[in-house]
Amino acid sequence: MVRRNSKHPTKMGSSKITRRSFLRGTGKMAIAAMGFPYVVSSSALGKAGTVAPSERVTMGMIGVGLQGTHNLNEFLRTDGVEVVAVCDVNRRSDAYWRGASPGFKGHTAGREPARQAVENYYSQQKSSGQYQGCAEYGDFRELLGRSDIDAVTVCTPDHWHGLITIAAARAGKDIYCEKPLTNTIAEGRAVCTEVARYNRVLQTGSHERSRDNARFACELVRNGRIGKLHTIRVNMPNNDSHHEVIRNNNTPPAIMEVPDGFDYDRWLGPTPWAEYTEQRCHLWWRFILSYGGGEMTDRGAHIIDLGQLGNSSDSTGPVEISATGSAPATGLYDTFLEYNFECKYANGVQLIGESVAPRGIKFEGSDGWVFIHIHGGRLEASQPSLLNEKFGPQELHLGRSPGHHQNFIEAVRSRGTTMAPPEVGHRTATICHLVNIAMLLKRKLQWDPTREVVVGDEEANRMLARPMRSPWRI
């Protein structure tokens, strides 16, 4: 077993190749040389089917706000995972959540409460000498520098996803990165390149893809049960309470003192400097284009992702994008709240989106339709009998996930492919970003999904990447 200290990580002293040493720096060369996946044998498991200490996947959690805390709890409950470190630019939750909408107050956020939650969860193992404590960091680079960490989560605001994921891949870590995979198309391609170069496993946090119902619905489509697919309709309403706050925000934000324990400069990271206001951070950052893409890259990254799966276009994208929309004209927020968009694929399928309820996605074919509700995965169909269909051995089977987080851990152990690998996450995020760009420019885009450029539109191509504030760069 690798002994760990909450402040000073130890190094492995033995020359024996275990799964953990295989996954780290020397593991990268081993994978390339052997050319086959490393599988943990049953003999490596501990008593009663539990994973032996030397074979546990040790994890560090980068970003432990609302979604980061959710992912932390999921991995704590995942067998064979040991969380040994947490990282966040926010020390505690008190001041950080002061500006959150009423529905989000009271949530744990920050590295101190996250560390305490981890140690409380492991209290029984800790008392028996199996667990050596959880470290906390304010700088993700310190966490990535630990040689005893196999995998990390990246649950930061979107503008940090690409930089941290690439740094993690280069540090030899496997990565669970929240959706959208990155905040620009150029960063997404860079993530795909670096994850492949360093032989890392990555799961994009598009967890709707792991729902049995969603996978079954996409099997209906791809096996021709609704006839020839011609239209995919995406419903993405902005009708929650926090959307109303955005709509009603029409005055310049009050400049505030940065809360104690919150490293605001590091939170801004590669984005332009801006004075602190609680309305810029917390939940609200996703409605400012410097940090996120609004609902289009939030739940849109879930819904459009299923459109990609059902259309069998995970490795490509549409060739034409047209969109109109409206965003707040004044105040701090500038992402689109109302929109209509149409994306046309080379196979003739059209993906049409509106800011209407109910939230979900509808596949329309020549012989019927099927609708997936987001979130929850409830299905509706033109014919109820469609939902009882069975698929023969020669038909397409998309497989089932044991759960998005468990699927990631299984792929880490087997060196296999996750349900939402980098290319999938990148291609889905690309559609979201292209729709936003089309709305910003107010014109149709001709997209080349092979070269990943907008044909004949240099202004649009300049929007595929963004300059980064020094010293941050890919």
Protein backbone atom coordinates (compact mmCIF):
# COMPACT_ATOMS: atom_id res chain seq x y z
CA MET A 1 0.00 0.00 0.00
CA VAL A 2 1.20 3.53 -0.73
CA ARG A 3 1.26 5.45 2.52
CA ARG A 4 0.15 9.06 2.23
CA ASN A 5 0.46 12.10 4.42
CA SER A 6 -2.07 14.91 4.17
CA LYS A 7 0.69 17.47 3.69
CA HIS A 8 3.69 15.62 2.35
CA PRO A 9 3.00 12.98 -0.31
CA THR A 10 5.32 10.01 -0.21
CA LYS A 11 6.89 8.27 -3.17
CA MET A 12 6.78 4.62 -3.97
CA GLY A 13 9.92 2.88 -2.80
CA SER A 14 9.47 -0.49 -4.44
CA SER A 15 10.45 -1.32 -8.01
CA LYS A 16 7.46 -3.63 -8.33
CA ILE A 17 5.07 -2.48 -11.08
CA THR A 18 1.60 -2.05 -9.57
CA ARG A 19 -1.43 -0.64 -11.29
CA ARG A 20 -0.71 2.76 -9.73
CA SER A 21 2.87 3.00 -10.94
CA PHE A 22 1.64 1.78 -14.32
CA LEU A 23 -0.80 4.67 -14.54
CA ARG A 24 1.79 7.30 -13.64
CA GLY A 25 4.83 8.52 -15.56
CA THR A 26 6.39 5.14 -16.33
CA GLY A 27 2.92 3.86 -17.16
CA LYS A 28 2.74 6.13 -20.18
CA MET A 29 5.75 4.40 -21.72
CA ALA A 30 4.47 0.99 -20.69
CA ILE A 31 1.16 1.50 -22.46
CA ALA A 32 2.86 2.60 -25.66
CA ALA A 33 5.30 -0.30 -25.59
CA MET A 34 2.88 -3.09 -24.77
CA GLY A 35 -0.02 -1.95 -26.94
CA PHE A 36 -2.72 -3.70 -24.91
CA PRO A 37 -4.92 -2.64 -21.97
CA TYR A 38 -3.84 -3.38 -18.42
CA VAL A 39 -6.58 -5.25 -16.58
CA VAL A 40 -6.75 -5.65 -12.82
CA SER A 41 -7.08 -9.35 -12.09
CA SER A 42 -9.42 -10.71 -9.44
CA SER A 43 -6.41 -11.80 -7.41
CA ALA A 44 -5.50 -8.15 -6.92
CA LEU A 45 -8.76 -7.52 -5.09
CA GLY A 46 -9.00 -7.43 -1.34
CA LYS A 47 -11.17 -9.57 0.88
CA ALA A 48 -14.95 -9.61 0.38
CA GLY A 49 -14.55 -8.21 -3.13
CA THR A 50 -13.21 -4.84 -2.06
CA VAL A 51 -10.35 -3.33 -4.01
CA ALA A 52 -6.95 -3.91 -2.46
CA PRO A 53 -5.20 -0.76 -1.13
CA SER A 54 -2.45 -0.97 -3.74
CA GLU A 55 -5.05 -1.07 -6.50
CA ARG A 56 -7.28 1.80 -5.41
CA VAL A 57 -7.65 4.79 -7.70
CA THR A 58 -6.44 7.79 -5.72
CA MET A 59 -8.13 11.05 -6.65
CA GLY A 60 -7.71 14.79 -6.25
CA MET A 61 -10.72 17.08 -6.66
CA ILE A 62 -10.03 20.39 -8.43
CA GLY A 63 -12.96 22.71 -7.87
CA VAL A 64 -15.30 21.91 -4.98
CA GLY A 65 -18.17 24.32 -5.43
CA LEU A 66 -21.72 23.17 -6.08
CA GLN A 67 -21.11 20.70 -8.94
CA GLY A 68 -17.64 19.88 -7.64
CA THR A 69 -19.12 18.86 -4.28
CA HIS A 70 -21.68 16.69 -6.07
CA ASN A 71 -18.91 14.92 -7.99
CA LEU A 72 -16.85 14.59 -4.81
CA ASN A 73 -19.73 12.79 -3.10
CA GLU A 74 -20.21 10.50 -6.11
CA PHE A 75 -16.57 9.44 -6.09
CA LEU A 76 -16.51 9.00 -2.32
CA ARG A 77 -19.29 6.43 -2.76
CA THR A 78 -17.53 4.67 -5.64
CA ASP A 79 -15.87 1.42 -4.65
CA GLY A 80 -12.11 1.36 -5.08
CA VAL A 81 -11.68 5.15 -5.03
CA GLU A 82 -9.73 7.05 -2.40
CA VAL A 83 -9.92 10.85 -2.34
CA VAL A 84 -6.65 12.22 -0.97
CA ALA A 85 -6.73 15.91 -1.92
CA VAL A 86 -9.08 18.79 -2.70
CA CYS A 87 -8.32 22.11 -4.36
CA ASP A 88 -10.26 25.34 -4.69
CA VAL A 89 -9.46 29.05 -4.91
CA ASN A 90 -12.13 29.55 -2.24
CA ARG A 91 -11.18 28.56 1.30
CA ARG A 92 -14.66 28.48 2.84
CA SER A 93 -18.28 28.67 1.76
CA ASP A 94 -19.58 31.52 3.95
CA ALA A 95 -18.81 34.65 1.93
CA TYR A 96 -18.58 32.79 -1.35
CA TRP A 97 -22.23 31.78 -1.37
CA ARG A 98 -23.54 35.09 -0.02
CA GLY A 99 -24.36 36.19 -3.57
CA ALA A 100 -26.02 32.96 -4.67
CA SER A 101 -29.69 32.76 -5.54
CA PRO A 102 -31.99 31.53 -2.71
CA GLY A 103 -32.21 28.03 -4.15
CA PHE A 104 -28.45 27.57 -3.88
CA LYS A 105 -27.77 29.00 -0.42
CA GLY A 106 -26.54 26.61 2.22
CA HIS A 107 -24.53 24.40 -0.10
CA THR A 108 -21.04 23.43 0.98
CA ALA A 109 -18.37 25.10 -1.11
CA GLY A 110 -14.67 25.61 -0.58
CA ARG A 111 -11.62 23.53 0.13
CA GLU A 112 -11.84 23.54 3.94
CA PRO A 113 -15.39 22.12 4.20
CA ALA A 114 -14.62 19.73 1.34
CA ARG A 115 -11.53 18.40 3.11
CA GLN A 116 -13.54 18.01 6.32
CA ALA A 117 -16.30 16.17 4.44
CA VAL A 118 -13.76 13.73 2.99
CA GLU A 119 -12.16 13.03 6.34
CA ASN A 120 -15.55 12.58 8.00
CA TYR A 121 -16.55 10.10 5.32
CA TYR A 122 -13.37 8.11 5.76
CA SER A 123 -13.38 8.29 9.54
CA GLN A 124 -13.79 4.52 10.00
CA GLN A 125 -11.03 3.64 7.53
CA LYS A 126 -8.85 6.35 9.00
CA SER A 127 -9.18 4.96 12.51
CA SER A 128 -8.07 1.55 11.28
CA GLY A 129 -4.91 3.01 9.75
CA GLN A 130 -5.93 2.63 6.11
CA TYR A 131 -6.48 6.31 5.40
CA GLN A 132 -3.83 8.96 5.98
CA GLY A 133 -5.86 12.13 5.55
CA CYS A 134 -6.95 14.60 2.89
CA ALA A 135 -4.79 17.54 1.82
CA GLU A 136 -6.16 20.88 0.65
CA TYR A 137 -4.66 23.26 -1.89
CA GLY A 138 -5.42 26.68 -3.33
CA ASP A 139 -3.31 26.10 -6.46
CA PHE A 140 -4.16 23.18 -8.75
CA ARG A 141 -0.50 22.87 -9.79
CA GLU A 142 0.48 21.77 -6.29
CA LEU A 143 -2.11 19.01 -6.38
CA LEU A 144 -1.00 17.89 -9.87
CA GLY A 145 2.58 17.71 -8.60
CA ARG A 146 1.74 14.82 -6.27
CA SER A 147 3.00 11.52 -7.61
CA ASP A 148 0.52 9.49 -5.55
CA ILE A 149 -2.59 10.82 -7.31
CA ASP A 150 -3.94 8.77 -10.24
CA ALA A 151 -6.90 10.87 -11.36
CA VAL A 152 -8.49 14.27 -10.88
CA THR A 153 -11.79 16.00 -11.36
CA VAL A 154 -11.94 19.41 -13.05
CA CYS A 155 -15.11 21.09 -11.75
CA THR A 156 -14.15 24.74 -12.10
CA PRO A 157 -15.87 27.50 -14.08
CA ASP A 158 -15.64 26.76 -17.80
CA HIS A 159 -12.82 29.20 -18.54
CA TRP A 160 -10.45 27.01 -16.52
CA HIS A 161 -11.41 23.61 -17.99
CA GLY A 162 -8.94 23.54 -20.88
CA LEU A 163 -5.88 24.80 -19.00
CA ILE A 164 -6.29 22.50 -16.01
CA THR A 165 -7.21 19.44 -18.07
CA ILE A 166 -4.15 19.86 -20.29
CA ALA A 167 -1.92 20.39 -17.26
CA ALA A 168 -3.40 17.25 -15.67
CA ALA A 169 -2.77 15.17 -18.79
CA ARG A 170 0.83 16.36 -18.93
CA ALA A 171 1.21 15.46 -15.25
CA GLY A 172 0.10 11.90 -16.03
CA LYS A 173 -3.35 12.10 -14.42
CA ASP A 174 -6.61 10.73 -15.75
CA ILE A 175 -9.37 13.32 -15.81
CA TYR A 176 -13.08 13.66 -15.12
CA CYS A 177 -13.84 17.10 -16.59
CA GLU A 178 -17.21 18.76 -16.28
CA LYS A 179 -19.10 19.76 -19.39
CA PRO A 180 -18.71 21.73 -21.56
CA LEU A 181 -15.27 20.21 -22.09
CA THR A 182 -13.76 23.65 -22.77
CA ASN A 183 -14.82 27.28 -23.17
CA THR A 184 -13.50 27.59 -26.75
CA ILE A 185 -13.25 25.32 -29.77
CA ALA A 186 -9.47 25.75 -30.01
CA GLU A 187 -8.99 24.65 -26.40
CA GLY A 188 -11.16 21.60 -27.04
CA ARG A 189 -8.96 20.43 -29.87
CA ALA A 190 -5.87 21.05 -27.70
CA VAL A 191 -7.39 18.91 -24.93
CA CYS A 192 -8.04 16.05 -27.36
CA THR A 193 -4.46 16.26 -28.65
CA GLU A 194 -2.80 16.32 -25.23
CA VAL A 195 -4.97 13.59 -23.69
CA ALA A 196 -4.06 11.32 -26.60
CA ARG A 197 -0.37 12.30 -26.50
CA TYR A 198 -0.05 11.38 -22.83
CA ASN A 199 -2.28 8.27 -23.02
CA ARG A 200 -4.77 9.57 -20.50
CA VAL A 201 -8.35 8.54 -19.83
CA LEU A 202 -10.90 11.37 -19.85
CA GLN A 203 -14.59 11.44 -19.08
CA THR A 204 -16.57 14.56 -20.02
CA GLY A 205 -19.24 15.18 -17.39
CA SER A 206 -22.11 14.70 -19.87
CA HIS A 207 -23.83 12.30 -17.51
CA GLU A 208 -27.12 12.20 -19.45
CA ARG A 209 -25.25 10.00 -21.94
CA SER A 210 -24.94 7.34 -19.24
CA ARG A 211 -28.68 7.04 -18.64
CA ASP A 212 -30.15 3.71 -19.79
CA ASN A 213 -33.24 5.40 -21.23
CA ALA A 214 -31.19 7.85 -23.27
CA ARG A 215 -29.06 5.07 -24.72
CA PHE A 216 -32.15 2.99 -25.48
CA ALA A 217 -33.79 5.93 -27.28
CA CYS A 218 -30.68 6.45 -29.40
CA GLU A 219 -30.71 2.72 -30.24
CA LEU A 220 -34.29 3.11 -31.44
CA VAL A 221 -33.17 5.91 -33.74
CA ARG A 222 -30.03 4.27 -35.04
CA ASN A 223 -31.71 0.90 -35.61
CA GLY A 224 -34.39 2.53 -37.76
CA ARG A 225 -37.35 2.06 -35.42
CA ILE A 226 -38.63 5.55 -36.21
CA GLY A 227 -37.78 5.24 -39.89
CA LYS A 228 -35.27 7.53 -41.55
CA LEU A 229 -34.12 10.24 -39.13
CA HIS A 230 -34.63 13.74 -40.56
CA THR A 231 -35.01 16.18 -37.66
CA ILE A 232 -33.67 16.51 -34.12
CA ARG A 233 -35.52 19.08 -31.99
CA VAL A 234 -33.76 20.55 -28.96
CA ASN A 235 -35.80 22.27 -26.22
CA MET A 236 -33.74 24.43 -23.84
CA PRO A 237 -35.99 26.76 -21.81
CA ASN A 238 -34.61 29.52 -19.59
CA ASN A 239 -37.46 29.49 -17.08
CA ASP A 240 -35.76 28.79 -13.75
CA SER A 241 -35.55 31.32 -10.91
CA HIS A 242 -31.92 32.17 -11.62
CA HIS A 243 -32.80 32.94 -15.25
CA GLU A 244 -35.28 35.55 -14.01
CA VAL A 245 -32.54 37.12 -11.90
CA ILE A 246 -30.43 37.40 -15.06
CA ARG A 247 -33.31 38.99 -17.02
CA ASN A 248 -33.96 41.55 -14.29
CA ASN A 249 -30.30 42.52 -13.86
CA ASN A 250 -30.11 45.77 -15.82
CA THR A 251 -27.79 47.98 -13.78
CA PRO A 252 -23.98 47.98 -13.47
CA PRO A 253 -22.83 45.70 -10.64
CA ALA A 254 -21.62 47.16 -7.35
CA ILE A 255 -17.87 46.86 -6.90
CA MET A 256 -17.16 44.88 -3.73
CA GLU A 257 -14.29 43.91 -1.52
CA VAL A 258 -13.00 40.42 -2.26
CA PRO A 259 -14.12 38.04 0.51
CA ASP A 260 -11.45 36.80 2.87
CA GLY A 261 -10.13 33.43 1.76
CA PHE A 262 -11.16 33.84 -1.89
CA ASP A 263 -8.26 34.10 -4.38
CA TYR A 264 -10.11 36.21 -6.92
CA ASP A 265 -7.13 36.85 -9.19
CA ARG A 266 -6.61 33.11 -9.57
CA TRP A 267 -10.34 32.67 -10.15
CA LEU A 268 -10.13 35.09 -13.08
CA GLY A 269 -7.08 33.20 -14.36
CA PRO A 270 -6.71 33.59 -18.14
CA THR A 271 -9.65 36.00 -18.55
CA PRO A 272 -9.35 39.83 -18.61
CA TRP A 273 -9.06 41.61 -15.28
CA ALA A 274 -12.38 42.84 -13.86
CA GLU A 275 -13.31 44.34 -10.49
CA TYR A 276 -14.82 41.89 -8.04
CA THR A 277 -18.55 41.65 -7.50
CA GLU A 278 -20.37 38.63 -6.12
CA GLN A 279 -22.66 38.82 -9.16
CA ARG A 280 -19.71 37.83 -11.36
CA CYS A 281 -18.77 34.63 -9.54
CA HIS A 282 -20.54 31.75 -7.81
CA LEU A 283 -23.45 30.44 -9.88
CA TRP A 284 -23.60 33.54 -12.05
CA TRP A 285 -20.35 33.27 -14.00
CA ARG A 286 -21.90 30.97 -16.61
CA PHE A 287 -24.03 33.86 -17.92
CA ILE A 288 -20.97 35.98 -18.77
CA LEU A 289 -19.31 35.04 -22.06
CA SER A 290 -15.78 35.45 -20.67
CA TYR A 291 -16.39 32.51 -18.33
CA GLY A 292 -19.19 30.43 -19.86
CA GLY A 293 -21.75 30.23 -22.64
CA GLY A 294 -25.05 30.53 -20.81
CA GLU A 295 -27.70 27.84 -21.09
CA MET A 296 -26.26 26.90 -24.48
CA THR A 297 -23.14 25.37 -22.91
CA ASP A 298 -24.79 24.49 -19.61
CA ARG A 299 -27.69 22.13 -20.13
CA GLY A 300 -27.30 22.55 -23.87
CA ALA A 301 -24.13 20.51 -23.60
CA HIS A 302 -26.24 17.67 -22.15
CA ILE A 303 -29.07 17.85 -24.66
CA ILE A 304 -27.10 18.45 -27.85
CA ASP A 305 -24.75 15.66 -26.75
CA LEU A 306 -27.62 13.18 -27.00
CA GLY A 307 -28.42 14.55 -30.46
CA GLN A 308 -24.87 13.70 -31.49
CA LEU A 309 -25.22 10.17 -30.10
CA GLY A 310 -28.58 9.53 -31.79
CA ASN A 311 -27.33 10.92 -35.10
CA SER A 312 -24.15 8.81 -35.00
CA SER A 313 -22.10 12.00 -35.37
CA ASP A 314 -19.90 11.82 -32.26
CA SER A 315 -16.72 12.30 -34.28
CA THR A 316 -17.95 15.12 -36.51
CA GLY A 317 -20.54 17.88 -36.52
CA PRO A 318 -22.91 19.98 -38.60
CA VAL A 319 -21.77 21.73 -41.77
CA GLU A 320 -24.08 24.74 -41.55
CA ILE A 321 -25.22 26.74 -38.52
CA SER A 322 -27.75 29.56 -38.45
CA ALA A 323 -29.09 31.14 -35.27
CA THR A 324 -30.83 34.18 -33.85
CA GLY A 325 -31.17 35.12 -30.22
CA SER A 326 -31.53 37.82 -27.61
CA ALA A 327 -29.37 38.57 -24.59
CA PRO A 328 -29.74 41.20 -21.83
CA ALA A 329 -28.98 44.61 -23.32
CA THR A 330 -27.68 46.15 -20.10
CA GLY A 331 -26.09 44.98 -16.88
CA LEU A 332 -23.37 42.40 -16.32
CA TYR A 333 -24.76 39.37 -18.15
CA ASP A 334 -24.39 38.90 -21.89
CA THR A 335 -25.28 35.31 -22.79
CA PHE A 336 -28.40 34.45 -24.79
CA LEU A 337 -31.65 33.68 -22.96
CA GLU A 338 -33.90 33.33 -26.01
CA TYR A 339 -32.76 31.63 -29.20
CA ASN A 340 -33.69 29.77 -32.34
CA PHE A 341 -31.01 27.78 -34.13
CA GLU A 342 -30.71 25.31 -36.95
CA CYS A 343 -27.72 23.07 -37.64
CA LYS A 344 -27.57 21.03 -40.81
CA TYR A 345 -25.46 17.85 -41.06
CA ALA A 346 -23.87 16.46 -44.20
CA ASN A 347 -26.29 13.51 -44.03
CA GLY A 348 -29.23 15.91 -44.35
CA VAL A 349 -30.38 15.70 -40.72
CA GLN A 350 -31.35 19.02 -39.18
CA LEU A 351 -30.85 19.85 -35.50
CA ILE A 352 -33.32 22.59 -34.59
CA GLY A 353 -33.32 24.30 -31.20
CA GLU A 354 -35.56 26.71 -29.32
CA SER A 355 -35.76 28.18 -25.83
CA VAL A 356 -39.04 26.37 -25.13
CA ALA A 357 -40.26 23.76 -22.65
CA PRO A 358 -40.23 20.91 -21.87
CA ARG A 359 -36.47 20.56 -21.60
CA GLY A 360 -35.30 17.66 -23.72
CA ILE A 361 -34.66 16.31 -27.19
CA LYS A 362 -36.95 14.81 -29.85
CA PHE A 363 -35.79 12.57 -32.69
CA GLU A 364 -38.19 12.68 -35.65
CA GLY A 365 -38.13 10.05 -38.38
CA SER A 366 -40.23 9.11 -41.36
CA ASP A 367 -42.17 6.58 -39.26
CA GLY A 368 -42.37 8.17 -35.82
CA TRP A 369 -40.57 10.00 -33.03
CA VAL A 370 -39.07 9.56 -29.56
CA PHE A 371 -38.53 12.29 -26.92
CA ILE A 372 -36.01 12.22 -24.03
CA HIS A 373 -36.75 14.46 -21.06
CA ILE A 374 -33.74 16.22 -19.49
CA HIS A 375 -33.06 15.66 -16.60
CA GLY A 376 -34.39 12.29 -15.48
CA GLY A 377 -34.49 10.53 -18.83
CA ARG A 378 -38.22 9.89 -19.06
CA LEU A 379 -39.20 8.80 -22.58
CA GLU A 380 -42.19 9.53 -24.79
CA ALA A 381 -42.82 8.15 -28.26
CA SER A 382 -45.24 8.47 -31.16
CA GLN A 383 -46.22 4.85 -30.57
CA PRO A 384 -46.07 3.54 -26.95
CA SER A 385 -45.02 0.15 -28.32
CA LEU A 386 -41.72 1.71 -29.43
CA LEU A 387 -40.66 1.88 -25.78
CA ASN A 388 -40.93 -1.91 -25.51
CA GLU A 389 -38.77 -2.68 -28.54
CA LYS A 390 -36.08 -5.38 -28.38
CA PHE A 391 -32.94 -5.40 -30.50
CA GLY A 392 -31.54 -8.45 -32.19
CA PRO A 393 -27.92 -9.63 -31.93
CA GLN A 394 -27.08 -8.22 -35.37
CA GLU A 395 -28.47 -4.76 -34.56
CA LEU A 396 -26.61 -1.86 -33.01
CA HIS A 397 -26.21 -2.02 -29.24
CA LEU A 398 -24.78 1.08 -27.56
CA GLY A 399 -24.08 -0.69 -24.29
CA ARG A 400 -25.05 0.45 -20.82
CA SER A 401 -23.18 2.46 -18.24
CA PRO A 402 -22.77 1.46 -14.60
CA GLY A 403 -23.07 5.20 -13.88
CA HIS A 404 -21.04 8.05 -15.29
CA HIS A 405 -18.59 8.21 -12.39
CA GLN A 406 -18.21 4.45 -12.06
CA ASN A 407 -17.69 4.20 -15.82
CA PHE A 408 -14.78 6.64 -15.51
CA ILE A 409 -13.15 4.61 -12.75
CA GLU A 410 -13.56 1.35 -14.68
CA ALA A 411 -11.90 2.97 -17.70
CA VAL A 412 -9.05 4.21 -15.52
CA ARG A 413 -8.42 0.64 -14.38
CA SER A 414 -8.78 -1.02 -17.79
CA ARG A 415 -7.28 1.86 -19.84
CA GLY A 416 -10.45 1.63 -21.90
CA THR A 417 -12.76 4.26 -23.38
CA THR A 418 -15.29 6.21 -21.34
CA MET A 419 -18.89 6.95 -22.30
CA ALA A 420 -17.92 10.56 -23.08
CA PRO A 421 -14.26 10.61 -24.18
CA PRO A 422 -12.48 13.82 -25.26
CA GLU A 423 -13.57 13.79 -28.91
CA VAL A 424 -17.21 13.36 -27.90
CA GLY A 425 -17.05 16.19 -25.37
CA HIS A 426 -15.20 18.43 -27.80
CA ARG A 427 -17.60 17.87 -30.71
CA THR A 428 -20.64 18.55 -28.54
CA ALA A 429 -19.12 21.71 -27.06
CA THR A 430 -18.16 22.82 -30.58
CA ILE A 431 -21.82 22.92 -31.64
CA CYS A 432 -22.73 24.96 -28.56
CA HIS A 433 -19.94 27.46 -29.25
CA LEU A 434 -20.78 27.71 -32.96
CA VAL A 435 -24.42 28.50 -32.18
CA ASN A 436 -23.29 31.26 -29.80
CA ILE A 437 -20.90 32.63 -32.43
CA ALA A 438 -23.64 32.61 -35.07
CA MET A 439 -25.93 34.57 -32.73
CA LEU A 440 -23.18 37.05 -31.88
CA LEU A 441 -22.32 37.64 -35.54
CA LYS A 442 -25.97 37.44 -36.69
CA ARG A 443 -25.13 35.41 -39.75
CA LYS A 444 -25.02 31.85 -41.06
CA LEU A 445 -21.79 29.88 -40.64
CA GLN A 446 -20.46 27.25 -43.02
CA TRP A 447 -18.50 24.83 -40.84
CA ASP A 448 -15.86 22.35 -41.95
CA PRO A 449 -15.90 19.68 -39.21
CA THR A 450 -12.78 17.99 -40.60
CA ARG A 451 -10.52 21.07 -40.64
CA GLU A 452 -12.51 22.71 -37.82
CA VAL A 453 -12.73 26.11 -39.47
CA VAL A 454 -15.56 28.40 -40.55
CA VAL A 455 -15.36 28.50 -44.32
CA GLY A 456 -14.76 31.97 -45.74
CA ASP A 457 -15.29 33.87 -42.48
CA GLU A 458 -12.13 35.10 -40.77
CA GLU A 459 -14.02 37.07 -38.13
CA ALA A 460 -15.80 33.91 -37.03
CA ASN A 461 -12.54 31.95 -37.08
CA ARG A 462 -10.94 34.47 -34.72
CA MET A 463 -13.71 33.63 -32.24
CA LEU A 464 -12.73 29.94 -32.13
CA ALA A 465 -10.00 30.87 -29.62
CA ARG A 466 -9.51 33.66 -27.09
CA PRO A 467 -6.38 35.48 -25.92
CA MET A 468 -5.27 34.56 -22.40
CA ARG A 469 -4.15 36.92 -19.67
CA SER A 470 -0.51 36.46 -18.78
CA PRO A 471 1.03 34.26 -17.50
CA TRP A 472 -1.59 31.68 -18.51
CA ARG A 473 -1.25 29.90 -21.85
CA ILE A 474 -1.67 26.44 -23.33
